[in-house]
PDB file of N, CA and C in Angstrom:
ATOM      1  N   MET A   1       0.827  -1.199   0.000  1.00  0.00           N
ATOM      2  CA  MET A   1       0.000   0.000   0.000  1.00  0.00           C
ATOM      3  C   MET A   1       0.867   1.258   0.000  1.00  0.00           C
ATOM      4  N   MET A   2       1.994   1.231   0.671  1.00  0.00           N
ATOM      5  CA  MET A   2       2.860   2.408   0.711  1.00  0.00           C
ATOM      6  C   MET A   2       3.368   2.779  -0.683  1.00  0.00           C
ATOM      7  N   ASN A   3       3.505   1.812  -1.573  1.00  0.00           N
ATOM      8  CA  ASN A   3       4.007   2.096  -2.912  1.00  0.00           C
ATOM      9  C   ASN A   3       3.003   2.862  -3.760  1.00  0.00           C
ATOM     10  N   GLU A   4       1.818   3.130  -3.242  1.00  0.00           N
ATOM     11  CA  GLU A   4       0.810   3.865  -3.975  1.00  0.00           C
ATOM     12  C   GLU A   4       1.096   5.368  -4.003  1.00  0.00           C
ATOM     13  N   ARG A   5       2.166   5.835  -3.357  1.00  0.00           N
ATOM     14  CA  ARG A   5       2.389   7.277  -3.247  1.00  0.00           C
ATOM     15  C   ARG A   5       3.621   7.715  -4.047  1.00  0.00           C
ATOM     16  N   ARG A   6       3.599   7.433  -5.348  1.00  0.00           N
ATOM     17  CA  ARG A   6       4.732   7.813  -6.197  1.00  0.00           C
ATOM     18  C   ARG A   6       4.509   9.134  -6.908  1.00  0.00           C
ATOM     19  N   THR A   7       3.256   9.546  -7.074  1.00  0.00           N
ATOM     20  CA  THR A   7       2.926  10.782  -7.782  1.00  0.00           C
ATOM     21  C   THR A   7       1.982  11.616  -6.915  1.00  0.00           C
ATOM     22  N   PRO A   8       1.864  12.916  -7.196  1.00  0.00           N
ATOM     23  CA  PRO A   8       0.906  13.727  -6.446  1.00  0.00           C
ATOM     24  C   PRO A   8      -0.513  13.149  -6.491  1.00  0.00           C
ATOM     25  N   ALA A   9      -0.930  12.659  -7.648  1.00  0.00           N
ATOM     26  CA  ALA A   9      -2.280  12.090  -7.754  1.00  0.00           C
ATOM     27  C   ALA A   9      -2.436  10.895  -6.821  1.00  0.00           C
ATOM     28  N   GLU A  10      -1.424  10.031  -6.750  1.00  0.00           N
ATOM     29  CA  GLU A  10      -1.505   8.852  -5.877  1.00  0.00           C
ATOM     30  C   GLU A  10      -1.527   9.252  -4.402  1.00  0.00           C
ATOM     31  N   VAL A  11      -0.744  10.265  -4.028  1.00  0.00           N
ATOM     32  CA  VAL A  11      -0.736  10.729  -2.632  1.00  0.00           C
ATOM     33  C   VAL A  11      -2.116  11.284  -2.264  1.00  0.00           C
ATOM     34  N   SER A  12      -2.632  12.147  -3.113  1.00  0.00           N
ATOM     35  CA  SER A  12      -3.908  12.780  -2.819  1.00  0.00           C
ATOM     36  C   SER A  12      -5.053  11.773  -2.806  1.00  0.00           C
ATOM     37  N   GLN A  13      -5.031  10.809  -3.717  1.00  0.00           N
ATOM     38  CA  GLN A  13      -6.064   9.779  -3.728  1.00  0.00           C
ATOM     39  C   GLN A  13      -5.979   8.903  -2.472  1.00  0.00           C
ATOM     40  N   ARG A  14      -4.771   8.558  -2.074  1.00  0.00           N
ATOM     41  CA  ARG A  14      -4.590   7.743  -0.858  1.00  0.00           C
ATOM     42  C   ARG A  14      -5.088   8.507   0.366  1.00  0.00           C
ATOM     43  N   PHE A  15      -4.813   9.815   0.432  1.00  0.00           N
ATOM     44  CA  PHE A  15      -5.285  10.627   1.551  1.00  0.00           C
ATOM     45  C   PHE A  15      -6.819  10.626   1.589  1.00  0.00           C
ATOM     46  N   ALA A  16      -7.454  10.873   0.444  1.00  0.00           N
ATOM     47  CA  ALA A  16      -8.923  10.887   0.398  1.00  0.00           C
ATOM     48  C   ALA A  16      -9.488   9.526   0.814  1.00  0.00           C
ATOM     49  N   GLN A  17      -8.908   8.447   0.311  1.00  0.00           N
ATOM     50  CA  GLN A  17      -9.374   7.103   0.673  1.00  0.00           C
ATOM     51  C   GLN A  17      -9.260   6.869   2.172  1.00  0.00           C
ATOM     52  N   ALA A  18      -8.150   7.316   2.765  1.00  0.00           N
ATOM     53  CA  ALA A  18      -7.944   7.111   4.200  1.00  0.00           C
ATOM     54  C   ALA A  18      -8.980   7.879   5.021  1.00  0.00           C
ATOM     55  N   ILE A  19      -9.207   9.139   4.688  1.00  0.00           N
ATOM     56  CA  ILE A  19     -10.214   9.928   5.415  1.00  0.00           C
ATOM     57  C   ILE A  19     -11.589   9.288   5.246  1.00  0.00           C
ATOM     58  N   ASN A  20     -11.927   8.913   4.018  1.00  0.00           N
ATOM     59  CA  ASN A  20     -13.237   8.315   3.747  1.00  0.00           C
ATOM     60  C   ASN A  20     -13.441   7.025   4.532  1.00  0.00           C
ATOM     61  N   ALA A  21     -12.347   6.295   4.803  1.00  0.00           N
ATOM     62  CA  ALA A  21     -12.425   5.027   5.536  1.00  0.00           C
ATOM     63  C   ALA A  21     -12.255   5.215   7.045  1.00  0.00           C
ATOM     64  N   GLY A  22     -12.009   6.453   7.482  1.00  0.00           N
ATOM     65  CA  GLY A  22     -11.786   6.692   8.910  1.00  0.00           C
ATOM     66  C   GLY A  22     -10.420   6.240   9.391  1.00  0.00           C
ATOM     67  N   ASP A  23      -9.453   6.147   8.479  1.00  0.00           N
ATOM     68  CA  ASP A  23      -8.100   5.674   8.777  1.00  0.00           C
ATOM     69  C   ASP A  23      -7.179   6.870   9.047  1.00  0.00           C
ATOM     70  N   LEU A  24      -7.122   7.307  10.317  1.00  0.00           N
ATOM     71  CA  LEU A  24      -6.301   8.472  10.671  1.00  0.00           C
ATOM     72  C   LEU A  24      -4.823   8.245  10.391  1.00  0.00           C
ATOM     73  N   GLU A  25      -4.307   7.066  10.744  1.00  0.00           N
ATOM     74  CA  GLU A  25      -2.879   6.794  10.518  1.00  0.00           C
ATOM     75  C   GLU A  25      -2.548   6.805   9.032  1.00  0.00           C
ATOM     76  N   GLY A  26      -3.429   6.228   8.226  1.00  0.00           N
ATOM     77  CA  GLY A  26      -3.217   6.226   6.780  1.00  0.00           C
ATOM     78  C   GLY A  26      -3.243   7.628   6.204  1.00  0.00           C
ATOM     79  N   ALA A  27      -4.164   8.457   6.720  1.00  0.00           N
ATOM     80  CA  ALA A  27      -4.241   9.846   6.254  1.00  0.00           C
ATOM     81  C   ALA A  27      -2.970  10.598   6.627  1.00  0.00           C
ATOM     82  N   LEU A  28      -2.525  10.436   7.860  1.00  0.00           N
ATOM     83  CA  LEU A  28      -1.340  11.136   8.341  1.00  0.00           C
ATOM     84  C   LEU A  28      -0.084  10.708   7.590  1.00  0.00           C
ATOM     85  N   ALA A  29      -0.019   9.445   7.168  1.00  0.00           N
ATOM     86  CA  ALA A  29       1.150   8.936   6.437  1.00  0.00           C
ATOM     87  C   ALA A  29       1.344   9.655   5.106  1.00  0.00           C
ATOM     88  N   CYS A  30       0.305  10.314   4.611  1.00  0.00           N
ATOM     89  CA  CYS A  30       0.394  11.042   3.347  1.00  0.00           C
ATOM     90  C   CYS A  30       1.008  12.429   3.519  1.00  0.00           C
ATOM     91  N   TRP A  31       1.276  12.816   4.748  1.00  0.00           N
ATOM     92  CA  TRP A  31       1.762  14.163   5.054  1.00  0.00           C
ATOM     93  C   TRP A  31       3.131  14.102   5.714  1.00  0.00           C
ATOM     94  N   SER A  32       4.019  15.003   5.309  1.00  0.00           N
ATOM     95  CA  SER A  32       5.335  15.143   5.934  1.00  0.00           C
ATOM     96  C   SER A  32       5.167  15.565   7.395  1.00  0.00           C
ATOM     97  N   PRO A  33       6.061  15.128   8.289  1.00  0.00           N
ATOM     98  CA  PRO A  33       5.993  15.595   9.680  1.00  0.00           C
ATOM     99  C   PRO A  33       6.085  17.122   9.790  1.00  0.00           C
ATOM    100  N   ALA A  34       6.676  17.779   8.790  1.00  0.00           N
ATOM    101  CA  ALA A  34       6.822  19.241   8.798  1.00  0.00           C
ATOM    102  C   ALA A  34       5.729  19.929   7.987  1.00  0.00           C
ATOM    103  N   ALA A  35       4.674  19.218   7.657  1.00  0.00           N
ATOM    104  CA  ALA A  35       3.634  19.741   6.761  1.00  0.00           C
ATOM    105  C   ALA A  35       2.892  20.935   7.340  1.00  0.00           C
ATOM    106  N   VAL A  36       2.379  21.748   6.426  1.00  0.00           N
ATOM    107  CA  VAL A  36       1.562  22.899   6.804  1.00  0.00           C
ATOM    108  C   VAL A  36       0.399  23.037   5.824  1.00  0.00           C
ATOM    109  N   ILE A  37      -0.777  23.314   6.391  1.00  0.00           N
ATOM    110  CA  ILE A  37      -1.937  23.701   5.592  1.00  0.00           C
ATOM    111  C   ILE A  37      -2.102  25.199   5.822  1.00  0.00           C
ATOM    112  N   ALA A  38      -2.013  25.973   4.750  1.00  0.00           N
ATOM    113  CA  ALA A  38      -2.148  27.428   4.840  1.00  0.00           C
ATOM    114  C   ALA A  38      -3.492  27.839   4.244  1.00  0.00           C
ATOM    115  N   ALA A  39      -4.332  28.460   5.068  1.00  0.00           N
ATOM    116  CA  ALA A  39      -5.665  28.893   4.639  1.00  0.00           C
ATOM    117  C   ALA A  39      -5.614  30.302   4.057  1.00  0.00           C
ATOM    118  N   PRO A  40      -6.604  30.658   3.247  1.00  0.00           N
ATOM    119  CA  PRO A  40      -6.636  31.995   2.644  1.00  0.00           C
ATOM    120  C   PRO A  40      -6.635  33.132   3.672  1.00  0.00           C
ATOM    121  N   ASP A  41      -7.149  32.878   4.886  1.00  0.00           N
ATOM    122  CA  ASP A  41      -7.198  33.934   5.908  1.00  0.00           C
ATOM    123  C   ASP A  41      -5.868  34.117   6.643  1.00  0.00           C
ATOM    124  N   GLY A  42      -4.846  33.354   6.228  1.00  0.00           N
ATOM    125  CA  GLY A  42      -3.533  33.469   6.854  1.00  0.00           C
ATOM    126  C   GLY A  42      -3.309  32.484   7.991  1.00  0.00           C
ATOM    127  N   SER A  43      -4.336  31.757   8.410  1.00  0.00           N
ATOM    128  CA  SER A  43      -4.153  30.768   9.474  1.00  0.00           C
ATOM    129  C   SER A  43      -3.435  29.542   8.924  1.00  0.00           C
ATOM    130  N   GLU A  44      -2.761  28.835   9.818  1.00  0.00           N
ATOM    131  CA  GLU A  44      -1.996  27.659   9.416  1.00  0.00           C
ATOM    132  C   GLU A  44      -2.213  26.521  10.392  1.00  0.00           C
ATOM    133  N   VAL A  45      -2.180  25.307   9.857  1.00  0.00           N
ATOM    134  CA  VAL A  45      -2.168  24.082  10.653  1.00  0.00           C
ATOM    135  C   VAL A  45      -0.800  23.464  10.371  1.00  0.00           C
ATOM    136  N   ARG A  46       0.022  23.296  11.423  1.00  0.00           N
ATOM    137  CA  ARG A  46       1.402  22.852  11.228  1.00  0.00           C
ATOM    138  C   ARG A  46       1.712  21.589  12.004  1.00  0.00           C
ATOM    139  N   GLY A  47       2.331  20.624  11.332  1.00  0.00           N
ATOM    140  CA  GLY A  47       2.855  19.428  11.986  1.00  0.00           C
ATOM    141  C   GLY A  47       1.811  18.351  12.237  1.00  0.00           C
ATOM    142  N   HIS A  48       2.310  17.141  12.483  1.00  0.00           N
ATOM    143  CA  HIS A  48       1.437  15.982  12.658  1.00  0.00           C
ATOM    144  C   HIS A  48       0.437  16.105  13.808  1.00  0.00           C
ATOM    145  N   PRO A  49       0.797  16.643  14.986  1.00  0.00           N
ATOM    146  CA  PRO A  49      -0.215  16.735  16.049  1.00  0.00           C
ATOM    147  C   PRO A  49      -1.424  17.587  15.640  1.00  0.00           C
ATOM    148  N   ALA A  50      -1.189  18.739  15.029  1.00  0.00           N
ATOM    149  CA  ALA A  50      -2.287  19.607  14.596  1.00  0.00           C
ATOM    150  C   ALA A  50      -3.058  18.983  13.438  1.00  0.00           C
ATOM    151  N   LEU A  51      -2.337  18.333  12.520  1.00  0.00           N
ATOM    152  CA  LEU A  51      -3.006  17.668  11.408  1.00  0.00           C
ATOM    153  C   LEU A  51      -3.888  16.526  11.919  1.00  0.00           C
ATOM    154  N   THR A  52      -3.402  15.794  12.913  1.00  0.00           N
ATOM    155  CA  THR A  52      -4.187  14.698  13.481  1.00  0.00           C
ATOM    156  C   THR A  52      -5.512  15.213  14.020  1.00  0.00           C
ATOM    157  N   GLU A  53      -5.483  16.337  14.725  1.00  0.00           N
ATOM    158  CA  GLU A  53      -6.727  16.934  15.239  1.00  0.00           C
ATOM    159  C   GLU A  53      -7.663  17.287  14.094  1.00  0.00           C
ATOM    160  N   ARG A  54      -7.134  17.905  13.045  1.00  0.00           N
ATOM    161  CA  ARG A  54      -7.948  18.308  11.898  1.00  0.00           C
ATOM    162  C   ARG A  54      -8.563  17.083  11.221  1.00  0.00           C
ATOM    163  N   PHE A  55      -7.747  16.035  11.005  1.00  0.00           N
ATOM    164  CA  PHE A  55      -8.239  14.847  10.316  1.00  0.00           C
ATOM    165  C   PHE A  55      -9.240  14.081  11.190  1.00  0.00           C
ATOM    166  N   ARG A  56      -9.010  14.056  12.507  1.00  0.00           N
ATOM    167  CA  ARG A  56      -9.944  13.404  13.428  1.00  0.00           C
ATOM    168  C   ARG A  56     -11.316  14.083  13.346  1.00  0.00           C
ATOM    169  N   ALA A  57     -11.326  15.400  13.240  1.00  0.00           N
ATOM    170  CA  ALA A  57     -12.585  16.146  13.122  1.00  0.00           C
ATOM    171  C   ALA A  57     -13.297  15.800  11.813  1.00  0.00           C
ATOM    172  N   LEU A  58     -12.553  15.655  10.719  1.00  0.00           N
ATOM    173  CA  LEU A  58     -13.162  15.278   9.441  1.00  0.00           C
ATOM    174  C   LEU A  58     -13.812  13.902   9.532  1.00  0.00           C
ATOM    175  N   VAL A  59     -13.093  12.960  10.149  1.00  0.00           N
ATOM    176  CA  VAL A  59     -13.622  11.608  10.298  1.00  0.00           C
ATOM    177  C   VAL A  59     -14.860  11.618  11.203  1.00  0.00           C
ATOM    178  N   ALA A  60     -14.817  12.409  12.268  1.00  0.00           N
ATOM    179  CA  ALA A  60     -15.925  12.459  13.231  1.00  0.00           C
ATOM    180  C   ALA A  60     -17.227  12.925  12.597  1.00  0.00           C
ATOM    181  N   VAL A  61     -17.150  13.826  11.619  1.00  0.00           N
ATOM    182  CA  VAL A  61     -18.369  14.318  10.968  1.00  0.00           C
ATOM    183  C   VAL A  61     -18.725  13.498   9.730  1.00  0.00           C
ATOM    184  N   GLY A  62     -17.948  12.441   9.471  1.00  0.00           N
ATOM    185  CA  GLY A  62     -18.235  11.573   8.332  1.00  0.00           C
ATOM    186  C   GLY A  62     -17.940  12.202   6.988  1.00  0.00           C
ATOM    187  N   ALA A  63     -16.959  13.092   6.951  1.00  0.00           N
ATOM    188  CA  ALA A  63     -16.595  13.756   5.694  1.00  0.00           C
ATOM    189  C   ALA A  63     -16.172  12.733   4.647  1.00  0.00           C
ATOM    190  N   GLN A  64     -16.643  12.953   3.429  1.00  0.00           N
ATOM    191  CA  GLN A  64     -16.243  12.145   2.285  1.00  0.00           C
ATOM    192  C   GLN A  64     -15.538  13.070   1.304  1.00  0.00           C
ATOM    193  N   LEU A  65     -14.304  12.710   0.950  1.00  0.00           N
ATOM    194  CA  LEU A  65     -13.477  13.558   0.101  1.00  0.00           C
ATOM    195  C   LEU A  65     -13.331  12.979  -1.299  1.00  0.00           C
ATOM    196  N   GLN A  66     -13.280  13.867  -2.270  1.00  0.00           N
ATOM    197  CA  GLN A  66     -12.889  13.540  -3.631  1.00  0.00           C
ATOM    198  C   GLN A  66     -11.847  14.577  -4.011  1.00  0.00           C
ATOM    199  N   ILE A  67     -10.712  14.110  -4.535  1.00  0.00           N
ATOM    200  CA  ILE A  67      -9.637  15.031  -4.890  1.00  0.00           C
ATOM    201  C   ILE A  67      -9.207  14.768  -6.325  1.00  0.00           C
ATOM    202  N   SER A  68      -9.137  15.838  -7.108  1.00  0.00           N
ATOM    203  CA  SER A  68      -8.614  15.728  -8.469  1.00  0.00           C
ATOM    204  C   SER A  68      -7.352  16.578  -8.566  1.00  0.00           C
ATOM    205  N   ILE A  69      -6.468  16.171  -9.456  1.00  0.00           N
ATOM    206  CA  ILE A  69      -5.146  16.786  -9.599  1.00  0.00           C
ATOM    207  C   ILE A  69      -4.996  17.356 -11.001  1.00  0.00           C
ATOM    208  N   SER A  70      -4.373  18.532 -11.090  1.00  0.00           N
ATOM    209  CA  SER A  70      -4.010  19.095 -12.391  1.00  0.00           C
ATOM    210  C   SER A  70      -2.660  19.796 -12.238  1.00  0.00           C
ATOM    211  N   GLU A  71      -2.093  20.177 -13.358  1.00  0.00           N
ATOM    212  CA  GLU A  71      -0.824  20.914 -13.362  1.00  0.00           C
ATOM    213  C   GLU A  71       0.245  20.230 -12.525  1.00  0.00           C
ATOM    214  N   GLU A  72       0.355  18.914 -12.672  1.00  0.00           N
ATOM    215  CA  GLU A  72       1.312  18.115 -11.912  1.00  0.00           C
ATOM    216  C   GLU A  72       2.699  18.207 -12.550  1.00  0.00           C
ATOM    217  N   ILE A  73       3.700  18.550 -11.728  1.00  0.00           N
ATOM    218  CA  ILE A  73       5.092  18.597 -12.178  1.00  0.00           C
ATOM    219  C   ILE A  73       5.917  17.818 -11.163  1.00  0.00           C
ATOM    220  N   CYS A  74       6.674  16.835 -11.638  1.00  0.00           N
ATOM    221  CA  CYS A  74       7.462  15.977 -10.746  1.00  0.00           C
ATOM    222  C   CYS A  74       8.947  16.062 -11.071  1.00  0.00           C
ATOM    223  N   SER A  75       9.780  15.933 -10.038  1.00  0.00           N
ATOM    224  CA  SER A  75      11.222  15.785 -10.206  1.00  0.00           C
ATOM    225  C   SER A  75      11.683  14.750  -9.181  1.00  0.00           C
ATOM    226  N   GLU A  76      12.965  14.437  -9.207  1.00  0.00           N
ATOM    227  CA  GLU A  76      13.478  13.454  -8.244  1.00  0.00           C
ATOM    228  C   GLU A  76      13.503  14.003  -6.814  1.00  0.00           C
ATOM    229  N   LEU A  77      13.362  15.318  -6.651  1.00  0.00           N
ATOM    230  CA  LEU A  77      13.409  15.929  -5.314  1.00  0.00           C
ATOM    231  C   LEU A  77      12.033  16.298  -4.762  1.00  0.00           C
ATOM    232  N   GLY A  78      11.000  16.119  -5.562  1.00  0.00           N
ATOM    233  CA  GLY A  78       9.665  16.458  -5.085  1.00  0.00           C
ATOM    234  C   GLY A  78       8.726  16.724  -6.236  1.00  0.00           C
ATOM    235  N   ALA A  79       7.604  17.329  -5.910  1.00  0.00           N
ATOM    236  CA  ALA A  79       6.594  17.586  -6.940  1.00  0.00           C
ATOM    237  C   ALA A  79       5.695  18.729  -6.497  1.00  0.00           C
ATOM    238  N   THR A  80       4.945  19.236  -7.447  1.00  0.00           N
ATOM    239  CA  THR A  80       3.943  20.255  -7.176  1.00  0.00           C
ATOM    240  C   THR A  80       2.721  19.956  -8.041  1.00  0.00           C
ATOM    241  N   ALA A  81       1.563  20.353  -7.563  1.00  0.00           N
ATOM    242  CA  ALA A  81       0.337  20.139  -8.325  1.00  0.00           C
ATOM    243  C   ALA A  81      -0.737  21.090  -7.809  1.00  0.00           C
ATOM    244  N   THR A  82      -1.763  21.261  -8.617  1.00  0.00           N
ATOM    245  CA  THR A  82      -2.957  21.970  -8.186  1.00  0.00           C
ATOM    246  C   THR A  82      -3.993  20.905  -7.868  1.00  0.00           C
ATOM    247  N   THR A  83      -4.633  21.035  -6.724  1.00  0.00           N
ATOM    248  CA  THR A  83      -5.656  20.065  -6.345  1.00  0.00           C
ATOM    249  C   THR A  83      -7.004  20.759  -6.233  1.00  0.00           C
ATOM    250  N   GLN A  84      -8.043  19.999  -6.500  1.00  0.00           N
ATOM    251  CA  GLN A  84      -9.400  20.447  -6.228  1.00  0.00           C
ATOM    252  C   GLN A  84     -10.037  19.382  -5.355  1.00  0.00           C
ATOM    253  N   MET A  85     -10.402  19.778  -4.134  1.00  0.00           N
ATOM    254  CA  MET A  85     -10.989  18.841  -3.186  1.00  0.00           C
ATOM    255  C   MET A  85     -12.455  19.187  -2.981  1.00  0.00           C
ATOM    256  N   THR A  86     -13.292  18.185  -3.129  1.00  0.00           N
ATOM    257  CA  THR A  86     -14.711  18.328  -2.837  1.00  0.00           C
ATOM    258  C   THR A  86     -15.002  17.492  -1.603  1.00  0.00           C
ATOM    259  N   MET A  87     -15.526  18.158  -0.572  1.00  0.00           N
ATOM    260  CA  MET A  87     -15.838  17.488   0.688  1.00  0.00           C
ATOM    261  C   MET A  87     -17.346  17.515   0.891  1.00  0.00           C
ATOM    262  N   THR A  88     -17.903  16.352   1.152  1.00  0.00           N
ATOM    263  CA  THR A  88     -19.338  16.240   1.411  1.00  0.00           C
ATOM    264  C   THR A  88     -19.544  15.782   2.848  1.00  0.00           C
ATOM    265  N   VAL A  89     -20.361  16.533   3.571  1.00  0.00           N
ATOM    266  CA  VAL A  89     -20.710  16.200   4.946  1.00  0.00           C
ATOM    267  C   VAL A  89     -22.228  16.240   5.043  1.00  0.00           C
ATOM    268  N   SER A  90     -22.831  15.174   5.579  1.00  0.00           N
ATOM    269  CA  SER A  90     -24.282  15.154   5.749  1.00  0.00           C
ATOM    270  C   SER A  90     -24.641  15.738   7.102  1.00  0.00           C
ATOM    271  N   THR A  91     -25.484  16.773   7.081  1.00  0.00           N
ATOM    272  CA  THR A  91     -25.962  17.406   8.302  1.00  0.00           C
ATOM    273  C   THR A  91     -27.481  17.395   8.265  1.00  0.00           C
ATOM    274  N   ASN A  92     -28.096  16.810   9.277  1.00  0.00           N
ATOM    275  CA  ASN A  92     -29.561  16.715   9.317  1.00  0.00           C
ATOM    276  C   ASN A  92     -30.122  16.137   8.019  1.00  0.00           C
ATOM    277  N   ASP A  93     -29.481  15.070   7.545  1.00  0.00           N
ATOM    278  CA  ASP A  93     -29.879  14.374   6.316  1.00  0.00           C
ATOM    279  C   ASP A  93     -29.754  15.232   5.060  1.00  0.00           C
ATOM    280  N   GLN A  94     -29.105  16.380   5.164  1.00  0.00           N
ATOM    281  CA  GLN A  94     -28.857  17.238   4.006  1.00  0.00           C
ATOM    282  C   GLN A  94     -27.352  17.281   3.753  1.00  0.00           C
ATOM    283  N   PRO A  95     -26.914  16.930   2.546  1.00  0.00           N
ATOM    284  CA  PRO A  95     -25.480  17.013   2.272  1.00  0.00           C
ATOM    285  C   PRO A  95     -25.024  18.459   2.095  1.00  0.00           C
ATOM    286  N   THR A  96     -23.910  18.776   2.729  1.00  0.00           N
ATOM    287  CA  THR A  96     -23.262  20.066   2.528  1.00  0.00           C
ATOM    288  C   THR A  96     -21.993  19.786   1.734  1.00  0.00           C
ATOM    289  N   VAL A  97     -21.845  20.451   0.607  1.00  0.00           N
ATOM    290  CA  VAL A  97     -20.704  20.217  -0.273  1.00  0.00           C
ATOM    291  C   VAL A  97     -19.842  21.469  -0.309  1.00  0.00           C
ATOM    292  N   THR A  98     -18.542  21.291  -0.048  1.00  0.00           N
ATOM    293  CA  THR A  98     -17.574  22.374  -0.102  1.00  0.00           C
ATOM    294  C   THR A  98     -16.470  21.983  -1.076  1.00  0.00           C
ATOM    295  N   THR A  99     -16.103  22.899  -1.947  1.00  0.00           N
ATOM    296  CA  THR A  99     -15.017  22.631  -2.891  1.00  0.00           C
ATOM    297  C   THR A  99     -13.942  23.697  -2.709  1.00  0.00           C
ATOM    298  N   VAL A 100     -12.695  23.243  -2.574  1.00  0.00           N
ATOM    299  CA  VAL A 100     -11.564  24.162  -2.459  1.00  0.00           C
ATOM    300  C   VAL A 100     -10.482  23.748  -3.448  1.00  0.00           C
ATOM    301  N   THR A 101      -9.739  24.745  -3.898  1.00  0.00           N
ATOM    302  CA  THR A 101      -8.597  24.525  -4.781  1.00  0.00           C
ATOM    303  C   THR A 101      -7.349  24.913  -4.009  1.00  0.00           C
ATOM    304  N   ALA A 102      -6.260  24.168  -4.225  1.00  0.00           N
ATOM    305  CA  ALA A 102      -5.019  24.442  -3.500  1.00  0.00           C
ATOM    306  C   ALA A 102      -3.816  24.194  -4.394  1.00  0.00           C
ATOM    307  N   ASP A 103      -2.733  24.884  -4.060  1.00  0.00           N
ATOM    308  CA  ASP A 103      -1.420  24.618  -4.645  1.00  0.00           C
ATOM    309  C   ASP A 103      -0.693  23.758  -3.630  1.00  0.00           C
ATOM    310  N   VAL A 104      -0.240  22.577  -4.051  1.00  0.00           N
ATOM    311  CA  VAL A 104       0.325  21.610  -3.113  1.00  0.00           C
ATOM    312  C   VAL A 104       1.749  21.250  -3.522  1.00  0.00           C
ATOM    313  N   THR A 105       2.633  21.210  -2.525  1.00  0.00           N
ATOM    314  CA  THR A 105       4.020  20.802  -2.715  1.00  0.00           C
ATOM    315  C   THR A 105       4.216  19.459  -2.027  1.00  0.00           C
ATOM    316  N   TYR A 106       4.862  18.540  -2.728  1.00  0.00           N
ATOM    317  CA  TYR A 106       5.108  17.185  -2.225  1.00  0.00           C
ATOM    318  C   TYR A 106       6.611  16.961  -2.135  1.00  0.00           C
ATOM    319  N   VAL A 107       7.039  16.215  -1.114  1.00  0.00           N
ATOM    320  CA  VAL A 107       8.452  15.882  -0.938  1.00  0.00           C
ATOM    321  C   VAL A 107       8.584  14.384  -0.680  1.00  0.00           C
ATOM    322  N   PRO A 108       9.768  13.815  -0.989  1.00  0.00           N
ATOM    323  CA  PRO A 108       9.977  12.411  -0.658  1.00  0.00           C
ATOM    324  C   PRO A 108       9.931  12.217   0.859  1.00  0.00           C
ATOM    325  N   GLY A 109       9.323  11.130   1.277  1.00  0.00           N
ATOM    326  CA  GLY A 109       9.235  10.818   2.707  1.00  0.00           C
ATOM    327  C   GLY A 109       9.061   9.334   2.890  1.00  0.00           C
ATOM    328  N   ALA A 110       8.702   8.931   4.081  1.00  0.00           N
ATOM    329  CA  ALA A 110       8.498   7.520   4.388  1.00  0.00           C
ATOM    330  C   ALA A 110       7.415   6.953   3.480  1.00  0.00           C
ATOM    331  N   GLY A 111       7.755   5.933   2.711  1.00  0.00           N
ATOM    332  CA  GLY A 111       6.774   5.258   1.882  1.00  0.00           C
ATOM    333  C   GLY A 111       6.438   5.945   0.572  1.00  0.00           C
ATOM    334  N   GLY A 112       7.153   6.996   0.212  1.00  0.00           N
ATOM    335  CA  GLY A 112       6.871   7.670  -1.055  1.00  0.00           C
ATOM    336  C   GLY A 112       6.724   9.159  -0.858  1.00  0.00           C
ATOM    337  N   LEU A 113       6.067   9.814  -1.816  1.00  0.00           N
ATOM    338  CA  LEU A 113       5.849  11.251  -1.688  1.00  0.00           C
ATOM    339  C   LEU A 113       4.908  11.541  -0.525  1.00  0.00           C
ATOM    340  N   GLN A 114       5.123  12.688   0.094  1.00  0.00           N
ATOM    341  CA  GLN A 114       4.248  13.171   1.158  1.00  0.00           C
ATOM    342  C   GLN A 114       3.946  14.646   0.893  1.00  0.00           C
ATOM    343  N   ILE A 115       2.802  15.092   1.375  1.00  0.00           N
ATOM    344  CA  ILE A 115       2.418  16.492   1.225  1.00  0.00           C
ATOM    345  C   ILE A 115       3.221  17.318   2.226  1.00  0.00           C
ATOM    346  N   LEU A 116       3.871  18.369   1.736  1.00  0.00           N
ATOM    347  CA  LEU A 116       4.623  19.276   2.597  1.00  0.00           C
ATOM    348  C   LEU A 116       3.833  20.563   2.829  1.00  0.00           C
ATOM    349  N   ILE A 117       3.328  21.164   1.745  1.00  0.00           N
ATOM    350  CA  ILE A 117       2.576  22.418   1.856  1.00  0.00           C
ATOM    351  C   ILE A 117       1.283  22.287   1.065  1.00  0.00           C
ATOM    352  N   ASP A 118       0.175  22.592   1.721  1.00  0.00           N
ATOM    353  CA  ASP A 118      -1.142  22.629   1.093  1.00  0.00           C
ATOM    354  C   ASP A 118      -1.628  24.071   1.239  1.00  0.00           C
ATOM    355  N   HIS A 119      -1.447  24.861   0.189  1.00  0.00           N
ATOM    356  CA  HIS A 119      -1.792  26.286   0.222  1.00  0.00           C
ATOM    357  C   HIS A 119      -3.157  26.466  -0.434  1.00  0.00           C
ATOM    358  N   ILE A 120      -4.184  26.607   0.383  1.00  0.00           N
ATOM    359  CA  ILE A 120      -5.555  26.709  -0.114  1.00  0.00           C
ATOM    360  C   ILE A 120      -5.776  28.083  -0.715  1.00  0.00           C
ATOM    361  N   ARG A 121      -6.304  28.103  -1.921  1.00  0.00           N
ATOM    362  CA  ARG A 121      -6.581  29.368  -2.611  1.00  0.00           C
ATOM    363  C   ARG A 121      -7.874  29.980  -2.086  1.00  0.00           C
ATOM    364  N   PRO A 122      -7.986  31.311  -2.157  1.00  0.00           N
ATOM    365  CA  PRO A 122      -9.254  31.946  -1.770  1.00  0.00           C
ATOM    366  C   PRO A 122     -10.391  31.443  -2.655  1.00  0.00           C
ATOM    367  N   MET A 123     -11.583  31.343  -2.061  1.00  0.00           N
ATOM    368  CA  MET A 123     -12.769  30.919  -2.813  1.00  0.00           C
ATOM    369  C   MET A 123     -13.127  32.017  -3.804  1.00  0.00           C
ATOM    370  N   THR A 124     -13.476  31.625  -5.007  1.00  0.00           N
ATOM    371  CA  THR A 124     -13.920  32.603  -6.004  1.00  0.00           C
ATOM    372  C   THR A 124     -15.443  32.507  -6.132  1.00  0.00           C
ATOM    373  N   VAL A 125     -16.046  33.628  -6.317  1.00  0.00           N
ATOM    374  CA  VAL A 125     -17.516  33.661  -6.390  1.00  0.00           C
ATOM    375  C   VAL A 125     -17.954  33.804  -7.827  1.00  0.00           C
TER     376      VAL A 125
END
């Protein structure tokens, strides 16, 4: 299973599968220990402990993720890609769907590529 993370698309798909299955360890394995999620408002989630809290919250609400990749560029030292993540959460039997786009940097790590920086773009109206 670890060999599934050779490209940005494989890393992002593995992360979505792990969250969808409630697999916190599998989700965390897709992220570098030094990873950061940077939100449009300037807030940041840094490192595995903070990421674990964020991912635990996603699993707790039953979030289902779909991630697509574009503009993928790979080298032997890492990769970059644009991602579009659609998250569906059911609240009171009504699905709430949120879609975000991000610029993501990947670096080699344990078991293959890992996400280092997930820079979420501002929502466009």
